Amino acid sequence: QVQLAESGGGLVQAGGSLRLSCAASTTIPSMYTMGWYRRQSPGQQRELVASIRSGRDANYADSVQGRFIISRDNAKNTVVLQMNSLEPEDTAVYYCFVSYYDERYWGQGTQVTVSP
C-alpha cells in the first residue's frame, strides 16, 4: 500500500505562486505515473491538472498549460507542482496520485485558495 503525503497548499493572491509537494511512503517505479488532480467544489468531479512519467513525459490540463510545472524526483519518490500566475479559478483541493494501469493511490488533499 502506497501512502502519499502532500504539503504546500495555502492562501495566495491572484498572480502569486505556490509549490505543492507530494512524498510517497515507498519506492515508486519510474514507469508509474505521478501527478495531481483537483476538485474545485464538493459536487464536482476531480479533474487532472498535470501528470508525469519517467521524469520527462509531462502532460497538463489546457487551463494550466504555461503556468504550472510538474517535476519528479525518482530517487526521493516525490512529485512537485510549481504553480505560477495563479488565478481565482485555480482555487481547489489538490490531490496527489500515483497510478499504474488499474492501480491508483491518492493523497488526502491540500487546499489551495487564490484570492482576487
Protein backbone atom coordinates (compact mmCIF):
# COMPACT_ATOMS: atom_id res chain seq x y z
CA GLN A 1 0.00 0.00 0.00
CA VAL A 2 1.37 3.39 -1.03
CA GLN A 3 0.75 6.37 1.21
CA LEU A 4 1.09 9.87 -0.20
CA ALA A 5 1.73 12.96 1.91
CA GLU A 6 1.03 16.36 0.38
CA SER A 7 2.25 19.75 1.53
CA GLY A 8 2.43 23.31 0.31
CA GLY A 9 -1.17 24.43 -0.05
CA GLY A 10 -2.43 27.70 1.32
CA LEU A 11 -3.82 31.14 0.55
CA VAL A 12 -2.28 33.37 -2.10
CA GLN A 13 -3.30 36.44 -4.05
CA ALA A 14 -4.00 36.25 -7.77
CA GLY A 15 -0.78 36.40 -9.73
CA GLY A 16 1.16 34.71 -6.97
CA SER A 17 2.81 31.30 -6.79
CA LEU A 18 2.58 28.18 -4.68
CA ARG A 19 4.57 24.96 -4.69
CA LEU A 20 2.87 21.67 -3.87
CA SER A 21 4.92 18.65 -2.88
CA CYS A 22 3.94 15.02 -2.54
CA ALA A 23 6.08 12.32 -0.99
CA ALA A 24 5.39 8.61 -1.36
CA SER A 25 5.95 6.20 1.52
CA THR A 26 7.56 3.57 -0.73
CA THR A 27 9.65 3.37 -3.87
CA ILE A 28 7.67 4.35 -6.94
CA PRO A 29 8.97 2.73 -10.15
CA SER A 30 9.68 5.21 -12.91
CA MET A 31 7.07 3.65 -15.20
CA TYR A 32 4.33 4.64 -12.72
CA THR A 33 2.56 7.91 -13.41
CA MET A 34 2.59 10.55 -10.69
CA GLY A 35 0.64 13.76 -10.72
CA TRP A 36 -2.11 15.98 -9.42
CA TYR A 37 -5.87 16.23 -9.71
CA ARG A 38 -8.03 18.95 -8.26
CA ARG A 39 -11.64 19.36 -7.18
CA GLN A 40 -12.92 22.91 -7.33
CA SER A 41 -16.17 22.36 -5.43
CA PRO A 42 -17.54 19.46 -3.35
CA GLY A 43 -20.02 18.35 -6.00
CA GLN A 44 -17.54 18.38 -8.88
CA GLN A 45 -15.50 15.50 -10.21
CA ARG A 46 -11.79 15.68 -9.82
CA GLU A 47 -10.01 16.96 -12.93
CA LEU A 48 -6.50 16.08 -13.99
CA VAL A 49 -4.15 19.02 -13.58
CA ALA A 50 -0.78 17.54 -14.52
CA SER A 51 0.93 14.17 -14.68
CA ILE A 52 4.43 12.90 -15.29
CA ARG A 53 6.00 9.55 -16.03
CA SER A 54 9.65 8.59 -16.20
CA GLY A 55 10.65 12.14 -15.35
CA ARG A 56 10.16 13.57 -18.83
CA ASP A 57 6.75 12.69 -20.20
CA ALA A 58 4.63 15.51 -18.69
CA ASN A 59 1.03 16.38 -19.51
CA TYR A 60 -1.02 19.39 -18.45
CA ALA A 61 -4.63 20.47 -18.49
CA ASP A 62 -5.22 23.24 -21.01
CA SER A 63 -6.26 25.57 -18.18
CA VAL A 64 -2.83 25.39 -16.51
CA GLN A 65 -0.54 24.93 -19.51
CA GLY A 66 2.23 27.53 -19.41
CA ARG A 67 1.57 28.43 -15.76
CA PHE A 68 2.15 25.18 -13.86
CA ILE A 69 5.23 22.97 -13.97
CA ILE A 70 5.33 19.39 -12.75
CA SER A 71 8.55 17.67 -11.79
CA ARG A 72 9.54 14.41 -10.25
CA ASP A 73 12.46 13.07 -8.25
CA ASN A 74 12.57 9.29 -8.63
CA ALA A 75 15.33 8.95 -6.05
CA LYS A 76 13.20 10.68 -3.40
CA ASN A 77 9.84 9.34 -4.61
CA THR A 78 8.42 12.84 -4.77
CA VAL A 79 6.42 14.88 -7.24
CA VAL A 80 6.21 18.66 -7.17
CA LEU A 81 3.75 21.03 -8.79
CA GLN A 82 5.02 24.57 -9.18
CA MET A 83 2.02 26.83 -9.70
CA ASN A 84 2.66 30.31 -11.09
CA SER A 85 0.39 33.15 -12.17
CA LEU A 86 -2.36 31.73 -10.02
CA GLU A 87 -5.94 32.72 -10.75
CA PRO A 88 -9.03 32.60 -8.53
CA GLU A 89 -10.25 29.77 -10.78
CA ASP A 90 -7.35 27.66 -9.53
CA THR A 91 -8.95 27.55 -6.08
CA ALA A 92 -9.49 23.87 -5.29
CA VAL A 93 -8.44 20.92 -3.21
CA TYR A 94 -5.41 19.41 -4.93
CA TYR A 95 -4.82 15.67 -4.73
CA CYS A 96 -1.57 13.88 -5.43
CA PHE A 97 -1.85 10.49 -7.12
CA VAL A 98 0.25 7.56 -8.25
CA SER A 99 -1.05 5.15 -10.85
CA TYR A 100 -0.09 2.19 -12.98
CA TYR A 101 -2.82 0.61 -15.10
CA ASP A 102 -5.69 -0.18 -12.66
CA GLU A 103 -3.61 0.52 -9.58
CA ARG A 104 -4.12 4.01 -8.13
CA TYR A 105 -3.30 5.70 -4.86
CA TRP A 106 -4.40 9.11 -3.58
CA GLY A 107 -3.19 11.67 -1.13
CA GLN A 108 -5.56 13.25 1.38
CA GLY A 109 -5.69 16.55 -0.50
CA THR A 110 -4.39 20.04 0.19
CA GLN A 111 -6.41 23.24 -0.10
CA VAL A 112 -5.28 25.99 -2.45
CA THR A 113 -7.16 29.27 -2.25
CA VAL A 114 -6.45 32.15 -4.64
CA SER A 115 -7.95 35.50 -3.70
CA PRO A 116 -8.78 38.13 -6.36
